[in-house]
Amino acid sequence: MDRNDIESKMKELLVEELGLDEDKITMSATFEEDLEVDSLGVVELLMALEDNFGVQIPDEEAESLVTVGEAVDLVEKKLNA
């Protein structure tokens, strides 16, 4: 799975799981400020990422995620490990 596929799936999950407006989702968008995702929303997203991509994301790595792009980077890194 290449980066474009991961980005597309990430947007899809953010829309489906959290009900976000797809137009607001960019790789530089921050979860809390730009997308107004609370901590529960982030947990829901992480669970969806783990299920959809078949990766494990430890809490300490998840806590450092600020932007959508960082989440894509992390998933890409996990998939290529």
PDB file of N, CA and C in Angstrom:
ATOM      1  N   MET A   1       0.858  -1.188   0.000  1.00  0.00           N
ATOM      2  CA  MET A   1       0.000   0.000   0.000  1.00  0.00           C
ATOM      3  C   MET A   1       0.894   1.238   0.000  1.00  0.00           C
ATOM      4  N   ASP A   2       0.668   2.120  -0.972  1.00  0.00           N
ATOM      5  CA  ASP A   2       1.518   3.307  -1.038  1.00  0.00           C
ATOM      6  C   ASP A   2       0.901   4.466  -0.253  1.00  0.00           C
ATOM      7  N   ARG A   3       1.645   5.547  -0.181  1.00  0.00           N
ATOM      8  CA  ARG A   3       1.229   6.683   0.641  1.00  0.00           C
ATOM      9  C   ARG A   3      -0.123   7.259   0.196  1.00  0.00           C
ATOM     10  N   ASN A   4      -0.344   7.336  -1.112  1.00  0.00           N
ATOM     11  CA  ASN A   4      -1.621   7.877  -1.597  1.00  0.00           C
ATOM     12  C   ASN A   4      -2.797   7.029  -1.139  1.00  0.00           C
ATOM     13  N   ASP A   5      -2.605   5.704  -1.142  1.00  0.00           N
ATOM     14  CA  ASP A   5      -3.658   4.802  -0.667  1.00  0.00           C
ATOM     15  C   ASP A   5      -3.929   5.029   0.818  1.00  0.00           C
ATOM     16  N   ILE A   6      -2.854   5.209   1.586  1.00  0.00           N
ATOM     17  CA  ILE A   6      -2.997   5.435   3.028  1.00  0.00           C
ATOM     18  C   ILE A   6      -3.720   6.757   3.277  1.00  0.00           C
ATOM     19  N   GLU A   7      -3.337   7.804   2.537  1.00  0.00           N
ATOM     20  CA  GLU A   7      -3.990   9.111   2.697  1.00  0.00           C
ATOM     21  C   GLU A   7      -5.478   9.021   2.372  1.00  0.00           C
ATOM     22  N   SER A   8      -5.806   8.329   1.289  1.00  0.00           N
ATOM     23  CA  SER A   8      -7.216   8.189   0.895  1.00  0.00           C
ATOM     24  C   SER A   8      -8.008   7.446   1.961  1.00  0.00           C
ATOM     25  N   LYS A   9      -7.439   6.353   2.460  1.00  0.00           N
ATOM     26  CA  LYS A   9      -8.118   5.557   3.483  1.00  0.00           C
ATOM     27  C   LYS A   9      -8.259   6.365   4.775  1.00  0.00           C
ATOM     28  N   MET A  10      -7.241   7.155   5.115  1.00  0.00           N
ATOM     29  CA  MET A  10      -7.292   7.993   6.313  1.00  0.00           C
ATOM     30  C   MET A  10      -8.451   8.982   6.206  1.00  0.00           C
ATOM     31  N   LYS A  11      -8.575   9.640   5.067  1.00  0.00           N
ATOM     32  CA  LYS A  11      -9.679  10.589   4.874  1.00  0.00           C
ATOM     33  C   LYS A  11     -11.019   9.874   4.999  1.00  0.00           C
ATOM     34  N   GLU A  12     -11.109   8.716   4.364  1.00  0.00           N
ATOM     35  CA  GLU A  12     -12.342   7.931   4.401  1.00  0.00           C
ATOM     36  C   GLU A  12     -12.717   7.586   5.847  1.00  0.00           C
ATOM     37  N   LEU A  13     -11.727   7.162   6.639  1.00  0.00           N
ATOM     38  CA  LEU A  13     -11.990   6.803   8.029  1.00  0.00           C
ATOM     39  C   LEU A  13     -12.410   8.022   8.850  1.00  0.00           C
ATOM     40  N   LEU A  14     -11.767   9.161   8.612  1.00  0.00           N
ATOM     41  CA  LEU A  14     -12.116  10.372   9.353  1.00  0.00           C
ATOM     42  C   LEU A  14     -13.554  10.794   9.047  1.00  0.00           C
ATOM     43  N   VAL A  15     -13.978  10.617   7.813  1.00  0.00           N
ATOM     44  CA  VAL A  15     -15.350  10.966   7.429  1.00  0.00           C
ATOM     45  C   VAL A  15     -16.333   9.949   8.017  1.00  0.00           C
ATOM     46  N   GLU A  16     -16.028   8.661   7.836  1.00  0.00           N
ATOM     47  CA  GLU A  16     -16.942   7.603   8.292  1.00  0.00           C
ATOM     48  C   GLU A  16     -17.015   7.484   9.808  1.00  0.00           C
ATOM     49  N   GLU A  17     -15.853   7.431  10.454  1.00  0.00           N
ATOM     50  CA  GLU A  17     -15.809   7.174  11.892  1.00  0.00           C
ATOM     51  C   GLU A  17     -16.146   8.403  12.736  1.00  0.00           C
ATOM     52  N   LEU A  18     -15.694   9.573  12.289  1.00  0.00           N
ATOM     53  CA  LEU A  18     -15.840  10.770  13.118  1.00  0.00           C
ATOM     54  C   LEU A  18     -16.799  11.798  12.534  1.00  0.00           C
ATOM     55  N   GLY A  19     -17.332  11.519  11.339  1.00  0.00           N
ATOM     56  CA  GLY A  19     -18.300  12.427  10.735  1.00  0.00           C
ATOM     57  C   GLY A  19     -17.719  13.766  10.335  1.00  0.00           C
ATOM     58  N   LEU A  20     -16.432  13.787   9.965  1.00  0.00           N
ATOM     59  CA  LEU A  20     -15.797  15.051   9.591  1.00  0.00           C
ATOM     60  C   LEU A  20     -16.111  15.419   8.149  1.00  0.00           C
ATOM     61  N   ASP A  21     -15.998  16.710   7.855  1.00  0.00           N
ATOM     62  CA  ASP A  21     -16.187  17.224   6.501  1.00  0.00           C
ATOM     63  C   ASP A  21     -14.912  16.946   5.708  1.00  0.00           C
ATOM     64  N   GLU A  22     -15.037  16.176   4.635  1.00  0.00           N
ATOM     65  CA  GLU A  22     -13.860  15.779   3.857  1.00  0.00           C
ATOM     66  C   GLU A  22     -13.073  16.982   3.336  1.00  0.00           C
ATOM     67  N   ASP A  23     -13.748  18.075   3.058  1.00  0.00           N
ATOM     68  CA  ASP A  23     -13.079  19.266   2.539  1.00  0.00           C
ATOM     69  C   ASP A  23     -12.096  19.876   3.544  1.00  0.00           C
ATOM     70  N   LYS A  24     -12.310  19.627   4.816  1.00  0.00           N
ATOM     71  CA  LYS A  24     -11.438  20.179   5.859  1.00  0.00           C
ATOM     72  C   LYS A  24     -10.217  19.301   6.128  1.00  0.00           C
ATOM     73  N   ILE A  25     -10.236  18.074   5.619  1.00  0.00           N
ATOM     74  CA  ILE A  25      -9.167  17.129   5.926  1.00  0.00           C
ATOM     75  C   ILE A  25      -8.004  17.303   4.954  1.00  0.00           C
ATOM     76  N   THR A  26      -6.906  17.855   5.477  1.00  0.00           N
ATOM     77  CA  THR A  26      -5.668  17.974   4.710  1.00  0.00           C
ATOM     78  C   THR A  26      -4.572  17.306   5.522  1.00  0.00           C
ATOM     79  N   MET A  27      -3.452  17.070   4.902  1.00  0.00           N
ATOM     80  CA  MET A  27      -2.355  16.415   5.606  1.00  0.00           C
ATOM     81  C   MET A  27      -1.777  17.314   6.696  1.00  0.00           C
ATOM     82  N   SER A  28      -1.950  18.627   6.560  1.00  0.00           N
ATOM     83  CA  SER A  28      -1.423  19.546   7.579  1.00  0.00           C
ATOM     84  C   SER A  28      -2.462  19.899   8.640  1.00  0.00           C
ATOM     85  N   ALA A  29      -3.695  19.419   8.487  1.00  0.00           N
ATOM     86  CA  ALA A  29      -4.757  19.728   9.452  1.00  0.00           C
ATOM     87  C   ALA A  29      -4.456  19.055  10.791  1.00  0.00           C
ATOM     88  N   THR A  30      -4.599  19.827  11.872  1.00  0.00           N
ATOM     89  CA  THR A  30      -4.408  19.264  13.204  1.00  0.00           C
ATOM     90  C   THR A  30      -5.734  18.678  13.677  1.00  0.00           C
ATOM     91  N   PHE A  31      -5.623  17.579  14.427  1.00  0.00           N
ATOM     92  CA  PHE A  31      -6.841  16.913  14.901  1.00  0.00           C
ATOM     93  C   PHE A  31      -7.643  17.811  15.828  1.00  0.00           C
ATOM     94  N   GLU A  32      -6.976  18.400  16.824  1.00  0.00           N
ATOM     95  CA  GLU A  32      -7.705  19.175  17.832  1.00  0.00           C
ATOM     96  C   GLU A  32      -8.139  20.545  17.329  1.00  0.00           C
ATOM     97  N   GLU A  33      -7.207  21.300  16.748  1.00  0.00           N
ATOM     98  CA  GLU A  33      -7.508  22.678  16.346  1.00  0.00           C
ATOM     99  C   GLU A  33      -8.345  22.748  15.073  1.00  0.00           C
ATOM    100  N   ASP A  34      -7.839  22.166  13.985  1.00  0.00           N
ATOM    101  CA  ASP A  34      -8.489  22.317  12.679  1.00  0.00           C
ATOM    102  C   ASP A  34      -9.730  21.437  12.523  1.00  0.00           C
ATOM    103  N   LEU A  35      -9.641  20.209  13.006  1.00  0.00           N
ATOM    104  CA  LEU A  35     -10.739  19.260  12.800  1.00  0.00           C
ATOM    105  C   LEU A  35     -11.646  19.107  14.012  1.00  0.00           C
ATOM    106  N   GLU A  36     -11.252  19.722  15.126  1.00  0.00           N
ATOM    107  CA  GLU A  36     -12.038  19.703  16.366  1.00  0.00           C
ATOM    108  C   GLU A  36     -12.362  18.279  16.831  1.00  0.00           C
ATOM    109  N   VAL A  37     -11.344  17.426  16.784  1.00  0.00           N
ATOM    110  CA  VAL A  37     -11.491  16.044  17.252  1.00  0.00           C
ATOM    111  C   VAL A  37     -11.026  15.997  18.702  1.00  0.00           C
ATOM    112  N   ASP A  38     -11.893  15.520  19.595  1.00  0.00           N
ATOM    113  CA  ASP A  38     -11.521  15.424  21.002  1.00  0.00           C
ATOM    114  C   ASP A  38     -10.729  14.136  21.239  1.00  0.00           C
ATOM    115  N   SER A  39     -10.281  13.952  22.465  1.00  0.00           N
ATOM    116  CA  SER A  39      -9.439  12.791  22.771  1.00  0.00           C
ATOM    117  C   SER A  39     -10.164  11.473  22.519  1.00  0.00           C
ATOM    118  N   LEU A  40     -11.460  11.431  22.758  1.00  0.00           N
ATOM    119  CA  LEU A  40     -12.232  10.220  22.478  1.00  0.00           C
ATOM    120  C   LEU A  40     -12.254   9.941  20.969  1.00  0.00           C
ATOM    121  N   GLY A  41     -12.384  10.988  20.182  1.00  0.00           N
ATOM    122  CA  GLY A  41     -12.367  10.849  18.732  1.00  0.00           C
ATOM    123  C   GLY A  41     -11.041  10.304  18.240  1.00  0.00           C
ATOM    124  N   VAL A  42      -9.958  10.768  18.843  1.00  0.00           N
ATOM    125  CA  VAL A  42      -8.626  10.276  18.468  1.00  0.00           C
ATOM    126  C   VAL A  42      -8.510   8.790  18.788  1.00  0.00           C
ATOM    127  N   VAL A  43      -9.016   8.378  19.942  1.00  0.00           N
ATOM    128  CA  VAL A  43      -8.992   6.958  20.319  1.00  0.00           C
ATOM    129  C   VAL A  43      -9.797   6.131  19.311  1.00  0.00           C
ATOM    130  N   GLU A  44     -10.974   6.634  18.932  1.00  0.00           N
ATOM    131  CA  GLU A  44     -11.797   5.933  17.936  1.00  0.00           C
ATOM    132  C   GLU A  44     -11.050   5.801  16.612  1.00  0.00           C
ATOM    133  N   LEU A  45     -10.374   6.884  16.211  1.00  0.00           N
ATOM    134  CA  LEU A  45      -9.619   6.860  14.961  1.00  0.00           C
ATOM    135  C   LEU A  45      -8.486   5.837  15.041  1.00  0.00           C
ATOM    136  N   LEU A  46      -7.772   5.812  16.154  1.00  0.00           N
ATOM    137  CA  LEU A  46      -6.658   4.869  16.307  1.00  0.00           C
ATOM    138  C   LEU A  46      -7.147   3.425  16.223  1.00  0.00           C
ATOM    139  N   MET A  47      -8.276   3.145  16.839  1.00  0.00           N
ATOM    140  CA  MET A  47      -8.832   1.794  16.771  1.00  0.00           C
ATOM    141  C   MET A  47      -9.195   1.448  15.333  1.00  0.00           C
ATOM    142  N   ALA A  48      -9.761   2.413  14.610  1.00  0.00           N
ATOM    143  CA  ALA A  48     -10.130   2.188  13.206  1.00  0.00           C
ATOM    144  C   ALA A  48      -8.883   1.980  12.348  1.00  0.00           C
ATOM    145  N   LEU A  49      -7.820   2.736  12.633  1.00  0.00           N
ATOM    146  CA  LEU A  49      -6.567   2.570  11.881  1.00  0.00           C
ATOM    147  C   LEU A  49      -5.991   1.185  12.113  1.00  0.00           C
ATOM    148  N   GLU A  50      -5.982   0.762  13.365  1.00  0.00           N
ATOM    149  CA  GLU A  50      -5.448  -0.566  13.689  1.00  0.00           C
ATOM    150  C   GLU A  50      -6.251  -1.654  12.980  1.00  0.00           C
ATOM    151  N   ASP A  51      -7.574  -1.525  12.981  1.00  0.00           N
ATOM    152  CA  ASP A  51      -8.432  -2.524  12.335  1.00  0.00           C
ATOM    153  C   ASP A  51      -8.262  -2.533  10.819  1.00  0.00           C
ATOM    154  N   ASN A  52      -8.244  -1.349  10.225  1.00  0.00           N
ATOM    155  CA  ASN A  52      -8.221  -1.252   8.770  1.00  0.00           C
ATOM    156  C   ASN A  52      -6.857  -1.507   8.152  1.00  0.00           C
ATOM    157  N   PHE A  53      -5.806  -1.149   8.866  1.00  0.00           N
ATOM    158  CA  PHE A  53      -4.464  -1.325   8.315  1.00  0.00           C
ATOM    159  C   PHE A  53      -3.731  -2.519   8.914  1.00  0.00           C
ATOM    160  N   GLY A  54      -4.307  -3.134   9.952  1.00  0.00           N
ATOM    161  CA  GLY A  54      -3.671  -4.297  10.568  1.00  0.00           C
ATOM    162  C   GLY A  54      -2.369  -3.964  11.267  1.00  0.00           C
ATOM    163  N   VAL A  55      -2.305  -2.780  11.870  1.00  0.00           N
ATOM    164  CA  VAL A  55      -1.106  -2.355  12.594  1.00  0.00           C
ATOM    165  C   VAL A  55      -1.442  -2.150  14.068  1.00  0.00           C
ATOM    166  N   GLN A  56      -0.416  -2.143  14.900  1.00  0.00           N
ATOM    167  CA  GLN A  56      -0.570  -1.823  16.322  1.00  0.00           C
ATOM    168  C   GLN A  56       0.061  -0.454  16.569  1.00  0.00           C
ATOM    169  N   ILE A  57      -0.680   0.425  17.219  1.00  0.00           N
ATOM    170  CA  ILE A  57      -0.176   1.762  17.520  1.00  0.00           C
ATOM    171  C   ILE A  57      -0.166   1.935  19.029  1.00  0.00           C
ATOM    172  N   PRO A  58       1.023   1.841  19.629  1.00  0.00           N
ATOM    173  CA  PRO A  58       1.122   2.008  21.085  1.00  0.00           C
ATOM    174  C   PRO A  58       0.705   3.413  21.521  1.00  0.00           C
ATOM    175  N   ASP A  59       0.195   3.516  22.741  1.00  0.00           N
ATOM    176  CA  ASP A  59      -0.281   4.799  23.266  1.00  0.00           C
ATOM    177  C   ASP A  59       0.772   5.895  23.189  1.00  0.00           C
ATOM    178  N   GLU A  60       2.027   5.547  23.504  1.00  0.00           N
ATOM    179  CA  GLU A  60       3.067   6.581  23.512  1.00  0.00           C
ATOM    180  C   GLU A  60       3.297   7.164  22.119  1.00  0.00           C
ATOM    181  N   GLU A  61       3.105   6.360  21.077  1.00  0.00           N
ATOM    182  CA  GLU A  61       3.227   6.884  19.715  1.00  0.00           C
ATOM    183  C   GLU A  61       1.977   7.679  19.352  1.00  0.00           C
ATOM    184  N   ALA A  62       0.835   7.203  19.760  1.00  0.00           N
ATOM    185  CA  ALA A  62      -0.426   7.874  19.443  1.00  0.00           C
ATOM    186  C   ALA A  62      -0.491   9.262  20.069  1.00  0.00           C
ATOM    187  N   GLU A  63       0.053   9.409  21.263  1.00  0.00           N
ATOM    188  CA  GLU A  63      -0.013  10.686  21.972  1.00  0.00           C
ATOM    189  C   GLU A  63       0.746  11.789  21.249  1.00  0.00           C
ATOM    190  N   SER A  64       1.723  11.415  20.416  1.00  0.00           N
ATOM    191  CA  SER A  64       2.534  12.424  19.731  1.00  0.00           C
ATOM    192  C   SER A  64       1.915  12.887  18.410  1.00  0.00           C
ATOM    193  N   LEU A  65       0.816  12.257  17.990  1.00  0.00           N
ATOM    194  CA  LEU A  65       0.193  12.626  16.715  1.00  0.00           C
ATOM    195  C   LEU A  65      -0.574  13.941  16.854  1.00  0.00           C
ATOM    196  N   VAL A  66      -0.243  14.888  15.991  1.00  0.00           N
ATOM    197  CA  VAL A  66      -0.906  16.189  16.018  1.00  0.00           C
ATOM    198  C   VAL A  66      -1.668  16.431  14.722  1.00  0.00           C
ATOM    199  N   THR A  67      -1.076  16.046  13.589  1.00  0.00           N
ATOM    200  CA  THR A  67      -1.702  16.312  12.297  1.00  0.00           C
ATOM    201  C   THR A  67      -2.110  15.010  11.595  1.00  0.00           C
ATOM    202  N   VAL A  68      -2.961  15.156  10.605  1.00  0.00           N
ATOM    203  CA  VAL A  68      -3.379  14.015   9.794  1.00  0.00           C
ATOM    204  C   VAL A  68      -2.151  13.418   9.101  1.00  0.00           C
ATOM    205  N   GLY A  69      -1.268  14.269   8.601  1.00  0.00           N
ATOM    206  CA  GLY A  69      -0.057  13.802   7.927  1.00  0.00           C
ATOM    207  C   GLY A  69       0.820  12.956   8.836  1.00  0.00           C
ATOM    208  N   GLU A  70       0.915  13.343  10.114  1.00  0.00           N
ATOM    209  CA  GLU A  70       1.712  12.553  11.066  1.00  0.00           C
ATOM    210  C   GLU A  70       1.095  11.174  11.265  1.00  0.00           C
ATOM    211  N   ALA A  71      -0.227  11.101  11.276  1.00  0.00           N
ATOM    212  CA  ALA A  71      -0.895   9.809  11.414  1.00  0.00           C
ATOM    213  C   ALA A  71      -0.631   8.944  10.179  1.00  0.00           C
ATOM    214  N   VAL A  72      -0.657   9.565   8.999  1.00  0.00           N
ATOM    215  CA  VAL A  72      -0.351   8.841   7.765  1.00  0.00           C
ATOM    216  C   VAL A  72       1.093   8.343   7.805  1.00  0.00           C
ATOM    217  N   ASP A  73       2.017   9.207   8.238  1.00  0.00           N
ATOM    218  CA  ASP A  73       3.431   8.817   8.347  1.00  0.00           C
ATOM    219  C   ASP A  73       3.591   7.599   9.248  1.00  0.00           C
ATOM    220  N   LEU A  74       2.909   7.617  10.383  1.00  0.00           N
ATOM    221  CA  LEU A  74       3.026   6.528  11.342  1.00  0.00           C
ATOM    222  C   LEU A  74       2.498   5.215  10.761  1.00  0.00           C
ATOM    223  N   VAL A  75       1.342   5.274  10.115  1.00  0.00           N
ATOM    224  CA  VAL A  75       0.771   4.068   9.513  1.00  0.00           C
ATOM    225  C   VAL A  75       1.710   3.549   8.417  1.00  0.00           C
ATOM    226  N   GLU A  76       2.220   4.472   7.603  1.00  0.00           N
ATOM    227  CA  GLU A  76       3.133   4.069   6.527  1.00  0.00           C
ATOM    228  C   GLU A  76       4.370   3.390   7.102  1.00  0.00           C
ATOM    229  N   LYS A  77       4.910   3.961   8.170  1.00  0.00           N
ATOM    230  CA  LYS A  77       6.090   3.378   8.831  1.00  0.00           C
ATOM    231  C   LYS A  77       5.778   1.974   9.367  1.00  0.00           C
ATOM    232  N   LYS A  78       4.617   1.821   9.980  1.00  0.00           N
ATOM    233  CA  LYS A  78       4.220   0.517  10.544  1.00  0.00           C
ATOM    234  C   LYS A  78       4.045  -0.536   9.428  1.00  0.00           C
ATOM    235  N   LEU A  79       3.458  -0.116   8.324  1.00  0.00           N
ATOM    236  CA  LEU A  79       3.213  -1.044   7.224  1.00  0.00           C
ATOM    237  C   LEU A  79       4.515  -1.489   6.548  1.00  0.00           C
ATOM    238  N   ASN A  80       5.506  -0.604   6.560  1.00  0.00           N
ATOM    239  CA  ASN A  80       6.772  -0.902   5.887  1.00  0.00           C
ATOM    240  C   ASN A  80       7.823  -1.482   6.822  1.00  0.00           C
ATOM    241  N   ALA A  81       7.454  -1.675   8.086  1.00  0.00           N
ATOM    242  CA  ALA A  81       8.423  -2.172   9.080  1.00  0.00           C
ATOM    243  C   ALA A  81       8.733  -3.650   8.842  1.00  0.00           C
TER     244      ALA A  81
END
